[in-house]
Every structure is written in C-alpha cells, then in structure tokens.
Protein backbone atom coordinates (compact mmCIF):
# COMPACT_ATOMS: atom_id res chain seq x y z
CA MET A 1 76.48 138.11 98.30
CA PRO A 2 77.36 141.69 99.25
CA TYR A 3 78.99 143.98 96.71
CA LYS A 4 80.79 147.30 96.92
CA ILE A 5 79.90 149.00 93.66
CA GLY A 6 81.95 151.67 91.89
CA THR A 7 85.59 152.38 91.20
CA LYS A 8 86.41 154.14 94.48
CA GLN A 9 84.66 151.56 96.67
CA THR A 10 86.18 148.67 94.74
CA THR A 11 89.69 150.13 94.94
CA LYS A 12 89.28 150.67 98.68
CA MET A 13 88.15 147.07 99.25
CA VAL A 14 91.11 145.66 97.27
CA GLU A 15 93.57 147.92 99.12
CA GLN A 16 92.11 146.82 102.48
CA ARG A 17 92.32 143.19 101.30
CA LYS A 18 88.58 142.72 101.87
CA ALA A 19 87.67 141.89 98.25
CA THR A 20 87.52 138.19 97.42
CA CYS A 21 86.87 138.92 93.74
CA VAL A 22 86.43 141.95 91.51
CA TYR A 23 83.89 142.28 88.70
CA ALA A 24 84.84 144.61 85.83
CA ALA A 25 82.98 145.64 82.68
CA ARG A 26 84.77 145.46 79.33
CA ASP A 27 82.98 148.60 78.07
CA ALA A 28 84.02 150.74 81.05
CA ASP A 29 86.41 153.65 80.49
CA PRO A 30 89.89 152.07 80.34
CA ARG A 31 91.36 155.02 82.26
CA MET A 32 89.07 154.12 85.15
CA ILE A 33 89.84 150.42 85.32
CA THR A 34 93.48 150.07 84.25
CA LYS A 35 94.90 151.02 87.66
CA LEU A 36 92.46 148.75 89.44
CA VAL A 37 93.30 145.79 87.19
CA GLN A 38 96.99 146.32 88.01
CA LEU A 39 96.17 146.58 91.71
CA CYS A 40 94.20 143.32 91.59
CA GLU A 41 97.08 141.57 89.84
CA ARG A 42 99.51 142.84 92.51
CA GLU A 43 97.21 141.79 95.36
CA GLY A 44 96.26 138.47 93.78
CA VAL A 45 92.54 139.30 93.56
CA PRO A 46 90.80 137.47 90.69
CA ILE A 47 88.84 139.54 88.15
CA THR A 48 85.64 138.36 86.52
CA TRP A 49 84.89 140.24 83.30
CA TYR A 50 81.42 141.24 82.12
CA ASP A 51 80.73 142.33 78.55
CA THR A 52 78.82 145.46 79.51
CA MET A 53 78.38 147.79 82.45
CA LEU A 54 74.66 147.04 82.29
CA ASN A 55 75.25 143.28 82.74
CA LEU A 56 77.47 144.00 85.70
CA GLY A 57 74.89 146.34 87.23
CA GLU A 58 72.18 143.69 86.87
CA THR A 59 74.41 141.09 88.53
CA CYS A 60 74.85 143.43 91.49
CA GLY A 61 71.12 144.06 91.67
CA ILE A 62 71.09 147.68 90.51
CA ASP A 63 69.14 149.26 87.66
CA ILE A 64 72.08 151.15 86.18
CA GLY A 65 75.42 150.16 84.74
CA ALA A 66 78.50 149.71 86.89
CA ALA A 67 82.12 149.84 85.73
CA MET A 68 83.29 147.60 88.56
CA ALA A 69 82.32 146.01 91.82
CA ALA A 70 84.09 144.15 94.60
CA VAL A 71 82.69 140.99 96.15
CA VAL A 72 83.18 141.25 99.91
CA PRO A 73 82.32 138.70 102.58
CA GLU A 74 79.55 139.58 105.03
CA GLU A 75 80.70 141.94 107.78
CA GLU A 76 80.83 140.27 111.18
C-alpha cells in the first residue's frame, strides 16, 4: 500500500481528495497535526491513530518517525 509521508504531502493528498485514510501519531507536535485533523474531518477522511511517531514510521516502512502519512491508492 503506497503512502505519502509527512505533513505537507499528507495535507496535499487530502486536499486533492486522493487520500483514502490518514495515519497520525499521538506524540506528534499538536501544532502540526491540528489543522490536518480538522481538514480530514471536513473532507470525511478517516484517521487512524498511532501511539508514537516511530510506530507510524515503521508501519510506512521507514526507519525514522513520521508525524503523519496519507494512504493513497496506486497511481494508474
């Protein structure tokens, strides 16, 4: 499953209505994720919460933590 990792990428995917789901880390900086959570609620995109940025990074297959990621369908 392809991911767009990071706040800017995730925001862009939600705005373009390409994200089917958003992953967010509970320990991420609230100033970074508050706007995105509101955007997801407005756009009807479900959010899956992870306890830590490290858990989220591992889920996305990267060796570092991630504050958020968007799940996007394969490009045609």
